[in-house]
Amino acid sequence: MLQNITTDIHSHILPCLDDGAKSISETIEICKMMHHLGYKKLITTPHNQKGWFHNPPEKIYEALNKVNVALSIHRIPIDIKVASEYYLDDLFIQQVKAKELLTFGKQYVLIELSPFICSKTLWDDIKTIFDSGYIPVLAHPERYIYFYNFKEKYHKLKEMGVKFQLNLISLSPTVSKELRCHAEYLVDQKLIDFCGSDSHSIKNPTIIATLKTSTPYYNKLLESNLLLNETL
Protein backbone atom coordinates (compact mmCIF):
# COMPACT_ATOMS: atom_id res chain seq x y z
CA MET A 1 0.00 0.00 0.00
CA LEU A 2 1.15 3.52 -0.82
CA GLN A 3 0.09 5.70 2.08
CA ASN A 4 2.27 8.73 1.32
CA ILE A 5 -0.23 10.17 -1.17
CA THR A 6 -3.88 10.03 -0.15
CA THR A 7 -5.44 12.42 -2.69
CA ASP A 8 -5.49 11.73 -6.42
CA ILE A 9 -6.16 14.64 -8.76
CA HIS A 10 -6.45 12.98 -12.17
CA SER A 11 -8.64 10.07 -13.18
CA HIS A 12 -11.40 9.01 -15.54
CA ILE A 13 -13.49 6.78 -13.31
CA LEU A 14 -16.98 8.22 -13.76
CA PRO A 15 -18.75 5.68 -15.98
CA CYS A 16 -19.68 6.28 -19.61
CA LEU A 17 -18.45 9.88 -19.87
CA ASP A 18 -15.20 9.53 -21.80
CA ASP A 19 -12.55 6.91 -22.57
CA GLY A 20 -12.42 5.78 -18.94
CA ALA A 21 -14.66 3.48 -16.89
CA LYS A 22 -17.38 1.84 -18.96
CA SER A 23 -19.71 0.86 -16.12
CA ILE A 24 -20.48 1.44 -12.46
CA SER A 25 -19.01 -1.97 -11.67
CA GLU A 26 -15.70 -0.94 -13.26
CA THR A 27 -15.78 2.32 -11.28
CA ILE A 28 -16.27 0.38 -8.06
CA GLU A 29 -13.40 -1.97 -8.93
CA ILE A 30 -11.07 1.00 -9.44
CA CYS A 31 -12.22 2.69 -6.23
CA LYS A 32 -11.65 -0.49 -4.22
CA MET A 33 -8.09 -0.71 -5.54
CA MET A 34 -7.37 2.98 -4.92
CA HIS A 35 -8.68 2.66 -1.38
CA HIS A 36 -6.48 -0.40 -0.87
CA LEU A 37 -3.49 1.69 -2.01
CA GLY A 38 -4.24 4.23 0.72
CA TYR A 39 -6.16 6.88 -1.21
CA LYS A 40 -8.86 8.70 0.75
CA LYS A 41 -9.95 11.25 -1.86
CA LEU A 42 -10.20 11.05 -5.65
CA ILE A 43 -10.67 14.25 -7.65
CA THR A 44 -11.87 12.69 -10.86
CA THR A 45 -11.47 14.62 -14.09
CA PRO A 46 -13.58 13.62 -17.11
CA HIS A 47 -12.27 14.81 -20.46
CA ASN A 48 -13.65 17.89 -22.15
CA GLN A 49 -12.47 18.27 -25.73
CA LYS A 50 -14.14 19.92 -28.70
CA GLY A 51 -15.47 17.33 -31.12
CA TRP A 52 -14.68 14.40 -28.82
CA PHE A 53 -15.95 14.70 -25.26
CA HIS A 54 -18.67 17.09 -24.12
CA ASN A 55 -19.05 16.89 -20.36
CA PRO A 56 -20.71 19.98 -18.89
CA PRO A 57 -20.86 20.23 -15.08
CA GLU A 58 -24.44 18.96 -14.80
CA LYS A 59 -23.56 15.77 -16.69
CA ILE A 60 -20.52 15.16 -14.49
CA TYR A 61 -22.46 15.74 -11.27
CA GLU A 62 -25.22 13.39 -12.41
CA ALA A 63 -22.62 10.63 -12.89
CA LEU A 64 -21.04 11.47 -9.53
CA ASN A 65 -24.37 11.05 -7.73
CA LYS A 66 -24.77 7.55 -9.17
CA VAL A 67 -21.23 6.62 -8.16
CA ASN A 68 -21.76 7.89 -4.61
CA VAL A 69 -24.83 5.70 -4.25
CA ALA A 70 -22.83 2.68 -5.42
CA LEU A 71 -19.93 3.49 -3.08
CA SER A 72 -22.36 3.66 -0.18
CA ILE A 73 -23.90 0.31 -1.09
CA HIS A 74 -20.46 -1.30 -1.33
CA ARG A 75 -19.25 0.51 1.81
CA ILE A 76 -16.11 1.91 0.23
CA PRO A 77 -14.93 4.86 2.39
CA ILE A 78 -13.46 7.05 -0.31
CA ASP A 79 -14.38 10.67 -1.07
CA ILE A 80 -15.04 11.49 -4.72
CA LYS A 81 -14.85 15.09 -5.92
CA VAL A 82 -15.07 16.30 -9.51
CA ALA A 83 -13.22 18.66 -11.81
CA SER A 84 -12.36 18.14 -15.48
CA GLU A 85 -9.40 17.62 -17.77
CA TYR A 86 -9.69 20.30 -20.42
CA TYR A 87 -8.01 20.07 -23.79
CA LEU A 88 -6.39 23.36 -24.68
CA ASP A 89 -8.43 24.44 -27.70
CA ASP A 90 -10.54 27.42 -28.73
CA LEU A 91 -13.65 26.09 -26.98
CA PHE A 92 -11.72 25.81 -23.73
CA ILE A 93 -10.47 29.39 -24.03
CA GLN A 94 -14.08 30.53 -24.50
CA GLN A 95 -15.02 28.67 -21.30
CA VAL A 96 -12.05 30.23 -19.51
CA LYS A 97 -13.16 33.74 -20.42
CA ALA A 98 -16.76 32.92 -19.44
CA LYS A 99 -15.53 31.41 -16.14
CA GLU A 100 -17.39 28.16 -16.77
CA LEU A 101 -14.71 25.71 -15.61
CA LEU A 102 -14.80 22.95 -13.03
CA THR A 103 -11.81 23.53 -10.77
CA PHE A 104 -10.26 22.04 -7.65
CA GLY A 105 -8.32 23.50 -4.74
CA LYS A 106 -7.23 27.11 -5.23
CA GLN A 107 -8.88 27.61 -8.62
CA TYR A 108 -6.65 24.95 -10.17
CA VAL A 109 -7.74 23.80 -13.61
CA LEU A 110 -6.34 20.62 -15.16
CA ILE A 111 -5.34 21.09 -18.80
CA GLU A 112 -3.82 18.86 -21.43
CA LEU A 113 -2.09 19.73 -24.68
CA SER A 114 -1.80 18.05 -28.04
CA PRO A 115 0.59 15.11 -27.60
CA PHE A 116 2.37 15.81 -30.88
CA ILE A 117 2.17 19.47 -31.95
CA CYS A 118 2.88 22.46 -29.72
CA SER A 119 0.16 25.08 -30.06
CA LYS A 120 1.33 28.33 -31.59
CA THR A 121 -0.83 30.19 -29.08
CA LEU A 122 0.31 28.20 -26.01
CA TRP A 123 1.96 31.08 -24.19
CA ASP A 124 -0.88 33.52 -24.89
CA ASP A 125 -3.44 30.91 -23.80
CA ILE A 126 -1.60 30.29 -20.54
CA LYS A 127 -1.63 34.04 -19.88
CA THR A 128 -5.37 34.14 -20.60
CA ILE A 129 -5.97 31.37 -18.05
CA PHE A 130 -4.08 33.30 -15.37
CA ASP A 131 -5.75 36.59 -16.30
CA SER A 132 -9.14 34.92 -15.81
CA GLY A 133 -8.29 33.96 -12.24
CA TYR A 134 -7.38 30.33 -12.73
CA ILE A 135 -4.13 28.45 -12.06
CA PRO A 136 -3.36 25.95 -14.83
CA VAL A 137 -2.16 22.48 -13.86
CA LEU A 138 -0.49 20.81 -16.82
CA ALA A 139 -1.46 17.14 -16.98
CA HIS A 140 1.37 14.67 -17.63
CA PRO A 141 4.03 17.11 -18.98
CA GLU A 142 6.32 14.12 -19.48
CA ARG A 143 4.18 12.99 -22.42
CA TYR A 144 4.61 16.03 -24.72
CA ILE A 145 7.31 14.91 -27.13
CA TYR A 146 7.89 18.41 -28.54
CA PHE A 147 9.35 19.43 -25.17
CA TYR A 148 11.92 16.60 -25.19
CA ASN A 149 14.57 18.53 -27.12
CA PHE A 150 13.50 21.91 -25.75
CA LYS A 151 13.42 21.35 -22.01
CA GLU A 152 13.74 25.08 -21.42
CA LYS A 153 10.01 25.23 -22.26
CA TYR A 154 9.28 23.25 -19.08
CA HIS A 155 11.14 25.90 -17.11
CA LYS A 156 9.41 28.76 -18.94
CA LEU A 157 6.02 27.31 -18.04
CA LYS A 158 7.07 26.95 -14.41
CA GLU A 159 8.30 30.55 -14.35
CA MET A 160 4.86 31.63 -15.57
CA GLY A 161 3.32 29.85 -12.58
CA VAL A 162 2.01 26.71 -14.26
CA LYS A 163 1.77 23.67 -11.97
CA PHE A 164 2.89 20.26 -13.22
CA GLN A 165 1.05 16.98 -12.64
CA LEU A 166 3.07 13.81 -13.18
CA ASN A 167 1.41 10.51 -14.03
CA LEU A 168 2.78 8.09 -11.46
CA ILE A 169 2.93 5.21 -13.94
CA SER A 170 5.39 7.26 -16.03
CA LEU A 171 8.03 6.33 -13.44
CA SER A 172 7.42 2.61 -13.91
CA PRO A 173 9.19 0.09 -16.17
CA THR A 174 5.88 -0.48 -17.98
CA VAL A 175 6.29 2.69 -20.09
CA SER A 176 8.83 3.43 -22.79
CA LYS A 177 12.36 4.28 -21.73
CA GLU A 178 12.07 7.70 -23.40
CA LEU A 179 8.91 8.60 -21.51
CA ARG A 180 10.34 7.34 -18.22
CA CYS A 181 13.55 9.34 -18.71
CA HIS A 182 11.62 12.56 -19.15
CA ALA A 183 9.46 11.83 -16.12
CA GLU A 184 12.66 11.26 -14.14
CA TYR A 185 14.09 14.54 -15.47
CA LEU A 186 11.09 16.44 -14.12
CA VAL A 187 11.50 14.75 -10.74
CA ASP A 188 15.25 15.47 -10.72
CA GLN A 189 14.56 19.13 -11.52
CA LYS A 190 11.98 19.29 -8.71
CA LEU A 191 9.34 20.56 -11.12
CA ILE A 192 6.42 18.37 -9.99
CA ASP A 193 3.58 19.92 -7.96
CA PHE A 194 0.99 17.16 -8.16
CA CYS A 195 1.00 13.48 -9.01
CA GLY A 196 -1.95 11.60 -10.42
CA SER A 197 -3.06 8.11 -11.31
CA ASP A 198 -4.72 9.03 -14.64
CA SER A 199 -6.79 5.90 -14.05
CA HIS A 200 -9.04 4.88 -16.93
CA SER A 201 -9.35 1.29 -15.71
CA ILE A 202 -7.85 -0.98 -13.06
CA LYS A 203 -4.57 -1.02 -15.04
CA ASN A 204 -2.97 2.14 -13.65
CA PRO A 205 -3.72 1.46 -9.96
CA THR A 206 -2.27 -2.02 -10.44
CA ILE A 207 0.96 -0.53 -11.79
CA ILE A 208 1.07 2.12 -9.05
CA ALA A 209 0.97 -0.67 -6.47
CA THR A 210 4.40 -1.84 -7.72
CA LEU A 211 6.21 1.52 -7.67
CA LYS A 212 7.89 1.17 -4.29
CA THR A 213 9.81 -1.86 -5.51
CA SER A 214 10.07 -1.15 -9.24
CA THR A 215 11.75 2.30 -9.18
CA PRO A 216 13.72 4.49 -6.76
CA TYR A 217 12.05 7.51 -8.34
CA TYR A 218 8.82 7.02 -6.42
CA ASN A 219 10.58 7.80 -3.14
CA LYS A 220 12.66 10.49 -4.82
CA LEU A 221 9.46 12.18 -6.02
CA LEU A 222 8.05 12.21 -2.49
CA GLU A 223 11.27 13.33 -0.85
CA SER A 224 12.49 16.03 -3.23
CA ASN A 225 9.38 17.56 -4.81
CA LEU A 226 6.97 19.75 -2.85
CA LEU A 227 3.77 17.91 -3.75
CA LEU A 228 0.50 19.71 -3.14
CA ASN A 229 -1.87 16.70 -3.25
CA GLU A 230 -2.38 16.68 0.49
CA THR A 231 -3.37 20.36 0.55
CA LEU A 232 -6.60 19.58 -1.31
C-alpha atoms as a PDB file:
ATOM      1  CA  MET A   1       0.000   0.000   0.000  1.00  0.00           C
ATOM      2  CA  LEU A   2       1.154   3.517  -0.818  1.00  0.00           C
ATOM      3  CA  GLN A   3       0.091   5.700   2.078  1.00  0.00           C
ATOM      4  CA  ASN A   4       2.273   8.726   1.321  1.00  0.00           C
ATOM      5  CA  ILE A   5      -0.226  10.165  -1.173  1.00  0.00           C
ATOM      6  CA  THR A   6      -3.878  10.033  -0.152  1.00  0.00           C
ATOM      7  CA  THR A   7      -5.438  12.421  -2.688  1.00  0.00           C
ATOM      8  CA  ASP A   8      -5.494  11.726  -6.422  1.00  0.00           C
ATOM      9  CA  ILE A   9      -6.161  14.642  -8.763  1.00  0.00           C
ATOM     10  CA  HIS A  10      -6.447  12.983 -12.172  1.00  0.00           C
ATOM     11  CA  SER A  11      -8.643  10.070 -13.181  1.00  0.00           C
ATOM     12  CA  HIS A  12     -11.401   9.013 -15.536  1.00  0.00           C
ATOM     13  CA  ILE A  13     -13.485   6.777 -13.314  1.00  0.00           C
ATOM     14  CA  LEU A  14     -16.981   8.217 -13.758  1.00  0.00           C
ATOM     15  CA  PRO A  15     -18.754   5.680 -15.985  1.00  0.00           C
ATOM     16  CA  CYS A  16     -19.678   6.282 -19.608  1.00  0.00           C
ATOM     17  CA  LEU A  17     -18.448   9.879 -19.867  1.00  0.00           C
ATOM     18  CA  ASP A  18     -15.198   9.535 -21.797  1.00  0.00           C
ATOM     19  CA  ASP A  19     -12.546   6.912 -22.566  1.00  0.00           C
ATOM     20  CA  GLY A  20     -12.423   5.780 -18.938  1.00  0.00           C
ATOM     21  CA  ALA A  21     -14.661   3.483 -16.892  1.00  0.00           C
ATOM     22  CA  LYS A  22     -17.377   1.837 -18.960  1.00  0.00           C
ATOM     23  CA  SER A  23     -19.711   0.865 -16.125  1.00  0.00           C
ATOM     24  CA  ILE A  24     -20.482   1.442 -12.455  1.00  0.00           C
ATOM     25  CA  SER A  25     -19.007  -1.973 -11.668  1.00  0.00           C
ATOM     26  CA  GLU A  26     -15.700  -0.937 -13.257  1.00  0.00           C
ATOM     27  CA  THR A  27     -15.782   2.323 -11.281  1.00  0.00           C
ATOM     28  CA  ILE A  28     -16.268   0.377  -8.058  1.00  0.00           C
ATOM     29  CA  GLU A  29     -13.397  -1.973  -8.931  1.00  0.00           C
ATOM     30  CA  ILE A  30     -11.069   1.000  -9.440  1.00  0.00           C
ATOM     31  CA  CYS A  31     -12.218   2.695  -6.226  1.00  0.00           C
ATOM     32  CA  LYS A  32     -11.647  -0.487  -4.220  1.00  0.00           C
ATOM     33  CA  MET A  33      -8.094  -0.705  -5.536  1.00  0.00           C
ATOM     34  CA  MET A  34      -7.374   2.976  -4.924  1.00  0.00           C
ATOM     35  CA  HIS A  35      -8.684   2.657  -1.377  1.00  0.00           C
ATOM     36  CA  HIS A  36      -6.478  -0.405  -0.874  1.00  0.00           C
ATOM     37  CA  LEU A  37      -3.492   1.688  -2.007  1.00  0.00           C
ATOM     38  CA  GLY A  38      -4.241   4.229   0.721  1.00  0.00           C
ATOM     39  CA  TYR A  39      -6.160   6.876  -1.208  1.00  0.00           C
ATOM     40  CA  LYS A  40      -8.859   8.695   0.755  1.00  0.00           C
ATOM     41  CA  LYS A  41      -9.945  11.246  -1.862  1.00  0.00           C
ATOM     42  CA  LEU A  42     -10.202  11.053  -5.647  1.00  0.00           C
ATOM     43  CA  ILE A  43     -10.666  14.252  -7.647  1.00  0.00           C
ATOM     44  CA  THR A  44     -11.867  12.692 -10.856  1.00  0.00           C
ATOM     45  CA  THR A  45     -11.471  14.623 -14.092  1.00  0.00           C
ATOM     46  CA  PRO A  46     -13.581  13.618 -17.113  1.00  0.00           C
ATOM     47  CA  HIS A  47     -12.271  14.806 -20.456  1.00  0.00           C
ATOM     48  CA  ASN A  48     -13.646  17.886 -22.146  1.00  0.00           C
ATOM     49  CA  GLN A  49     -12.471  18.267 -25.728  1.00  0.00           C
ATOM     50  CA  LYS A  50     -14.136  19.919 -28.696  1.00  0.00           C
ATOM     51  CA  GLY A  51     -15.466  17.331 -31.123  1.00  0.00           C
ATOM     52  CA  TRP A  52     -14.680  14.403 -28.819  1.00  0.00           C
ATOM     53  CA  PHE A  53     -15.946  14.703 -25.262  1.00  0.00           C
ATOM     54  CA  HIS A  54     -18.667  17.090 -24.117  1.00  0.00           C
ATOM     55  CA  ASN A  55     -19.050  16.886 -20.361  1.00  0.00           C
ATOM     56  CA  PRO A  56     -20.714  19.976 -18.894  1.00  0.00           C
ATOM     57  CA  PRO A  57     -20.859  20.229 -15.080  1.00  0.00           C
ATOM     58  CA  GLU A  58     -24.441  18.964 -14.805  1.00  0.00           C
ATOM     59  CA  LYS A  59     -23.564  15.766 -16.694  1.00  0.00           C
ATOM     60  CA  ILE A  60     -20.521  15.164 -14.491  1.00  0.00           C
ATOM     61  CA  TYR A  61     -22.459  15.745 -11.267  1.00  0.00           C
ATOM     62  CA  GLU A  62     -25.215  13.387 -12.411  1.00  0.00           C
ATOM     63  CA  ALA A  63     -22.620  10.628 -12.890  1.00  0.00           C
ATOM     64  CA  LEU A  64     -21.039  11.469  -9.533  1.00  0.00           C
ATOM     65  CA  ASN A  65     -24.368  11.054  -7.728  1.00  0.00           C
ATOM     66  CA  LYS A  66     -24.773   7.552  -9.173  1.00  0.00           C
ATOM     67  CA  VAL A  67     -21.233   6.616  -8.160  1.00  0.00           C
ATOM     68  CA  ASN A  68     -21.757   7.894  -4.607  1.00  0.00           C
ATOM     69  CA  VAL A  69     -24.833   5.697  -4.246  1.00  0.00           C
ATOM     70  CA  ALA A  70     -22.829   2.679  -5.419  1.00  0.00           C
ATOM     71  CA  LEU A  71     -19.927   3.485  -3.078  1.00  0.00           C
ATOM     72  CA  SER A  72     -22.357   3.659  -0.181  1.00  0.00           C
ATOM     73  CA  ILE A  73     -23.896   0.313  -1.091  1.00  0.00           C
ATOM     74  CA  HIS A  74     -20.458  -1.301  -1.330  1.00  0.00           C
ATOM     75  CA  ARG A  75     -19.249   0.510   1.808  1.00  0.00           C
ATOM     76  CA  ILE A  76     -16.112   1.907   0.228  1.00  0.00           C
ATOM     77  CA  PRO A  77     -14.930   4.858   2.387  1.00  0.00           C
ATOM     78  CA  ILE A  78     -13.461   7.054  -0.308  1.00  0.00           C
ATOM     79  CA  ASP A  79     -14.383  10.675  -1.067  1.00  0.00           C
ATOM     80  CA  ILE A  80     -15.044  11.494  -4.720  1.00  0.00           C
ATOM     81  CA  LYS A  81     -14.849  15.091  -5.922  1.00  0.00           C
ATOM     82  CA  VAL A  82     -15.073  16.303  -9.511  1.00  0.00           C
ATOM     83  CA  ALA A  83     -13.220  18.657 -11.813  1.00  0.00           C
ATOM     84  CA  SER A  84     -12.364  18.138 -15.480  1.00  0.00           C
ATOM     85  CA  GLU A  85      -9.404  17.621 -17.766  1.00  0.00           C
ATOM     86  CA  TYR A  86      -9.693  20.302 -20.423  1.00  0.00           C
ATOM     87  CA  TYR A  87      -8.013  20.065 -23.794  1.00  0.00           C
ATOM     88  CA  LEU A  88      -6.388  23.365 -24.685  1.00  0.00           C
ATOM     89  CA  ASP A  89      -8.429  24.436 -27.704  1.00  0.00           C
ATOM     90  CA  ASP A  90     -10.540  27.424 -28.733  1.00  0.00           C
ATOM     91  CA  LEU A  91     -13.650  26.093 -26.981  1.00  0.00           C
ATOM     92  CA  PHE A  92     -11.716  25.811 -23.731  1.00  0.00           C
ATOM     93  CA  ILE A  93     -10.465  29.391 -24.030  1.00  0.00           C
ATOM     94  CA  GLN A  94     -14.077  30.530 -24.501  1.00  0.00           C
ATOM     95  CA  GLN A  95     -15.018  28.673 -21.303  1.00  0.00           C
ATOM     96  CA  VAL A  96     -12.047  30.233 -19.507  1.00  0.00           C
ATOM     97  CA  LYS A  97     -13.160  33.742 -20.425  1.00  0.00           C
ATOM     98  CA  ALA A  98     -16.756  32.920 -19.437  1.00  0.00           C
ATOM     99  CA  LYS A  99     -15.525  31.408 -16.140  1.00  0.00           C
ATOM    100  CA  GLU A 100     -17.391  28.156 -16.770  1.00  0.00           C
ATOM    101  CA  LEU A 101     -14.709  25.711 -15.608  1.00  0.00           C
ATOM    102  CA  LEU A 102     -14.798  22.948 -13.025  1.00  0.00           C
ATOM    103  CA  THR A 103     -11.813  23.531 -10.771  1.00  0.00           C
ATOM    104  CA  PHE A 104     -10.262  22.041  -7.654  1.00  0.00           C
ATOM    105  CA  GLY A 105      -8.322  23.502  -4.744  1.00  0.00           C
ATOM    106  CA  LYS A 106      -7.226  27.106  -5.235  1.00  0.00           C
ATOM    107  CA  GLN A 107      -8.885  27.610  -8.620  1.00  0.00           C
ATOM    108  CA  TYR A 108      -6.652  24.954 -10.166  1.00  0.00           C
ATOM    109  CA  VAL A 109      -7.742  23.803 -13.606  1.00  0.00           C
ATOM    110  CA  LEU A 110      -6.338  20.624 -15.159  1.00  0.00           C
ATOM    111  CA  ILE A 111      -5.337  21.092 -18.796  1.00  0.00           C
ATOM    112  CA  GLU A 112      -3.815  18.859 -21.431  1.00  0.00           C
ATOM    113  CA  LEU A 113      -2.086  19.729 -24.679  1.00  0.00           C
ATOM    114  CA  SER A 114      -1.797  18.051 -28.035  1.00  0.00           C
ATOM    115  CA  PRO A 115       0.593  15.106 -27.599  1.00  0.00           C
ATOM    116  CA  PHE A 116       2.369  15.806 -30.881  1.00  0.00           C
ATOM    117  CA  ILE A 117       2.172  19.473 -31.945  1.00  0.00           C
ATOM    118  CA  CYS A 118       2.877  22.464 -29.719  1.00  0.00           C
ATOM    119  CA  SER A 119       0.159  25.079 -30.057  1.00  0.00           C
ATOM    120  CA  LYS A 120       1.330  28.335 -31.593  1.00  0.00           C
ATOM    121  CA  THR A 121      -0.831  30.185 -29.077  1.00  0.00           C
ATOM    122  CA  LEU A 122       0.306  28.203 -26.013  1.00  0.00           C
ATOM    123  CA  TRP A 123       1.963  31.082 -24.192  1.00  0.00           C
ATOM    124  CA  ASP A 124      -0.882  33.517 -24.892  1.00  0.00           C
ATOM    125  CA  ASP A 125      -3.443  30.913 -23.802  1.00  0.00           C
ATOM    126  CA  ILE A 126      -1.597  30.294 -20.542  1.00  0.00           C
ATOM    127  CA  LYS A 127      -1.626  34.035 -19.877  1.00  0.00           C
ATOM    128  CA  THR A 128      -5.374  34.144 -20.596  1.00  0.00           C
ATOM    129  CA  ILE A 129      -5.966  31.368 -18.045  1.00  0.00           C
ATOM    130  CA  PHE A 130      -4.083  33.298 -15.365  1.00  0.00           C
ATOM    131  CA  ASP A 131      -5.752  36.593 -16.301  1.00  0.00           C
ATOM    132  CA  SER A 132      -9.141  34.917 -15.814  1.00  0.00           C
ATOM    133  CA  GLY A 133      -8.292  33.960 -12.236  1.00  0.00           C
ATOM    134  CA  TYR A 134      -7.376  30.325 -12.733  1.00  0.00           C
ATOM    135  CA  ILE A 135      -4.130  28.449 -12.064  1.00  0.00           C
ATOM    136  CA  PRO A 136      -3.357  25.952 -14.832  1.00  0.00           C
ATOM    137  CA  VAL A 137      -2.160  22.482 -13.857  1.00  0.00           C
ATOM    138  CA  LEU A 138      -0.495  20.806 -16.820  1.00  0.00           C
ATOM    139  CA  ALA A 139      -1.459  17.141 -16.982  1.00  0.00           C
ATOM    140  CA  HIS A 140       1.373  14.670 -17.626  1.00  0.00           C
ATOM    141  CA  PRO A 141       4.028  17.111 -18.979  1.00  0.00           C
ATOM    142  CA  GLU A 142       6.321  14.118 -19.476  1.00  0.00           C
ATOM    143  CA  ARG A 143       4.181  12.995 -22.421  1.00  0.00           C
ATOM    144  CA  TYR A 144       4.613  16.027 -24.718  1.00  0.00           C
ATOM    145  CA  ILE A 145       7.309  14.908 -27.130  1.00  0.00           C
ATOM    146  CA  TYR A 146       7.894  18.407 -28.537  1.00  0.00           C
ATOM    147  CA  PHE A 147       9.352  19.430 -25.168  1.00  0.00           C
ATOM    148  CA  TYR A 148      11.918  16.605 -25.186  1.00  0.00           C
ATOM    149  CA  ASN A 149      14.571  18.526 -27.119  1.00  0.00           C
ATOM    150  CA  PHE A 150      13.497  21.909 -25.745  1.00  0.00           C
ATOM    151  CA  LYS A 151      13.420  21.346 -22.010  1.00  0.00           C
ATOM    152  CA  GLU A 152      13.737  25.080 -21.420  1.00  0.00           C
ATOM    153  CA  LYS A 153      10.008  25.233 -22.262  1.00  0.00           C
ATOM    154  CA  TYR A 154       9.282  23.251 -19.083  1.00  0.00           C
ATOM    155  CA  HIS A 155      11.136  25.896 -17.114  1.00  0.00           C
ATOM    156  CA  LYS A 156       9.414  28.757 -18.939  1.00  0.00           C
ATOM    157  CA  LEU A 157       6.017  27.307 -18.038  1.00  0.00           C
ATOM    158  CA  LYS A 158       7.071  26.950 -14.406  1.00  0.00           C
ATOM    159  CA  GLU A 159       8.302  30.551 -14.354  1.00  0.00           C
ATOM    160  CA  MET A 160       4.864  31.627 -15.572  1.00  0.00           C
ATOM    161  CA  GLY A 161       3.323  29.849 -12.583  1.00  0.00           C
ATOM    162  CA  VAL A 162       2.013  26.706 -14.264  1.00  0.00           C
ATOM    163  CA  LYS A 163       1.768  23.673 -11.972  1.00  0.00           C
ATOM    164  CA  PHE A 164       2.892  20.264 -13.224  1.00  0.00           C
ATOM    165  CA  GLN A 165       1.045  16.976 -12.637  1.00  0.00           C
ATOM    166  CA  LEU A 166       3.070  13.811 -13.183  1.00  0.00           C
ATOM    167  CA  ASN A 167       1.408  10.515 -14.035  1.00  0.00           C
ATOM    168  CA  LEU A 168       2.781   8.086 -11.461  1.00  0.00           C
ATOM    169  CA  ILE A 169       2.927   5.213 -13.942  1.00  0.00           C
ATOM    170  CA  SER A 170       5.389   7.263 -16.029  1.00  0.00           C
ATOM    171  CA  LEU A 171       8.028   6.327 -13.440  1.00  0.00           C
ATOM    172  CA  SER A 172       7.418   2.606 -13.906  1.00  0.00           C
ATOM    173  CA  PRO A 173       9.187   0.095 -16.170  1.00  0.00           C
ATOM    174  CA  THR A 174       5.883  -0.480 -17.980  1.00  0.00           C
ATOM    175  CA  VAL A 175       6.287   2.687 -20.087  1.00  0.00           C
ATOM    176  CA  SER A 176       8.831   3.434 -22.789  1.00  0.00           C
ATOM    177  CA  LYS A 177      12.364   4.280 -21.730  1.00  0.00           C
ATOM    178  CA  GLU A 178      12.071   7.699 -23.400  1.00  0.00           C
ATOM    179  CA  LEU A 179       8.905   8.601 -21.509  1.00  0.00           C
ATOM    180  CA  ARG A 180      10.339   7.343 -18.221  1.00  0.00           C
ATOM    181  CA  CYS A 181      13.553   9.344 -18.708  1.00  0.00           C
ATOM    182  CA  HIS A 182      11.615  12.564 -19.145  1.00  0.00           C
ATOM    183  CA  ALA A 183       9.458  11.829 -16.121  1.00  0.00           C
ATOM    184  CA  GLU A 184      12.656  11.260 -14.136  1.00  0.00           C
ATOM    185  CA  TYR A 185      14.089  14.538 -15.475  1.00  0.00           C
ATOM    186  CA  LEU A 186      11.089  16.439 -14.125  1.00  0.00           C
ATOM    187  CA  VAL A 187      11.501  14.752 -10.742  1.00  0.00           C
ATOM    188  CA  ASP A 188      15.254  15.470 -10.721  1.00  0.00           C
ATOM    189  CA  GLN A 189      14.558  19.132 -11.515  1.00  0.00           C
ATOM    190  CA  LYS A 190      11.977  19.288  -8.711  1.00  0.00           C
ATOM    191  CA  LEU A 191       9.339  20.556 -11.122  1.00  0.00           C
ATOM    192  CA  ILE A 192       6.418  18.373  -9.991  1.00  0.00           C
ATOM    193  CA  ASP A 193       3.582  19.924  -7.965  1.00  0.00           C
ATOM    194  CA  PHE A 194       0.994  17.160  -8.158  1.00  0.00           C
ATOM    195  CA  CYS A 195       1.000  13.479  -9.007  1.00  0.00           C
ATOM    196  CA  GLY A 196      -1.954  11.604 -10.424  1.00  0.00           C
ATOM    197  CA  SER A 197      -3.057   8.113 -11.314  1.00  0.00           C
ATOM    198  CA  ASP A 198      -4.721   9.027 -14.637  1.00  0.00           C
ATOM    199  CA  SER A 199      -6.793   5.900 -14.054  1.00  0.00           C
ATOM    200  CA  HIS A 200      -9.037   4.879 -16.926  1.00  0.00           C
ATOM    201  CA  SER A 201      -9.354   1.291 -15.708  1.00  0.00           C
ATOM    202  CA  ILE A 202      -7.847  -0.980 -13.062  1.00  0.00           C
ATOM    203  CA  LYS A 203      -4.572  -1.025 -15.038  1.00  0.00           C
ATOM    204  CA  ASN A 204      -2.967   2.141 -13.649  1.00  0.00           C
ATOM    205  CA  PRO A 205      -3.723   1.463  -9.962  1.00  0.00           C
ATOM    206  CA  THR A 206      -2.270  -2.023 -10.435  1.00  0.00           C
ATOM    207  CA  ILE A 207       0.960  -0.528 -11.794  1.00  0.00           C
ATOM    208  CA  ILE A 208       1.066   2.125  -9.050  1.00  0.00           C
ATOM    209  CA  ALA A 209       0.968  -0.673  -6.474  1.00  0.00           C
ATOM    210  CA  THR A 210       4.400  -1.841  -7.717  1.00  0.00           C
ATOM    211  CA  LEU A 211       6.208   1.516  -7.668  1.00  0.00           C
ATOM    212  CA  LYS A 212       7.889   1.172  -4.288  1.00  0.00           C
ATOM    213  CA  THR A 213       9.814  -1.861  -5.508  1.00  0.00           C
ATOM    214  CA  SER A 214      10.075  -1.146  -9.241  1.00  0.00           C
ATOM    215  CA  THR A 215      11.747   2.295  -9.184  1.00  0.00           C
ATOM    216  CA  PRO A 216      13.724   4.489  -6.765  1.00  0.00           C
ATOM    217  CA  TYR A 217      12.045   7.513  -8.344  1.00  0.00           C
ATOM    218  CA  TYR A 218       8.821   7.024  -6.421  1.00  0.00           C
ATOM    219  CA  ASN A 219      10.577   7.800  -3.139  1.00  0.00           C
ATOM    220  CA  LYS A 220      12.658  10.493  -4.825  1.00  0.00           C
ATOM    221  CA  LEU A 221       9.461  12.177  -6.019  1.00  0.00           C
ATOM    222  CA  LEU A 222       8.054  12.207  -2.493  1.00  0.00           C
ATOM    223  CA  GLU A 223      11.267  13.327  -0.848  1.00  0.00           C
ATOM    224  CA  SER A 224      12.494  16.032  -3.234  1.00  0.00           C
ATOM    225  CA  ASN A 225       9.382  17.560  -4.814  1.00  0.00           C
ATOM    226  CA  LEU A 226       6.971  19.745  -2.846  1.00  0.00           C
ATOM    227  CA  LEU A 227       3.768  17.913  -3.747  1.00  0.00           C
ATOM    228  CA  LEU A 228       0.495  19.714  -3.141  1.00  0.00           C
ATOM    229  CA  ASN A 229      -1.871  16.705  -3.254  1.00  0.00           C
ATOM    230  CA  GLU A 230      -2.377  16.677   0.491  1.00  0.00           C
ATOM    231  CA  THR A 231      -3.369  20.359   0.553  1.00  0.00           C
ATOM    232  CA  LEU A 232      -6.601  19.575  -1.311  1.00  0.00           C
END
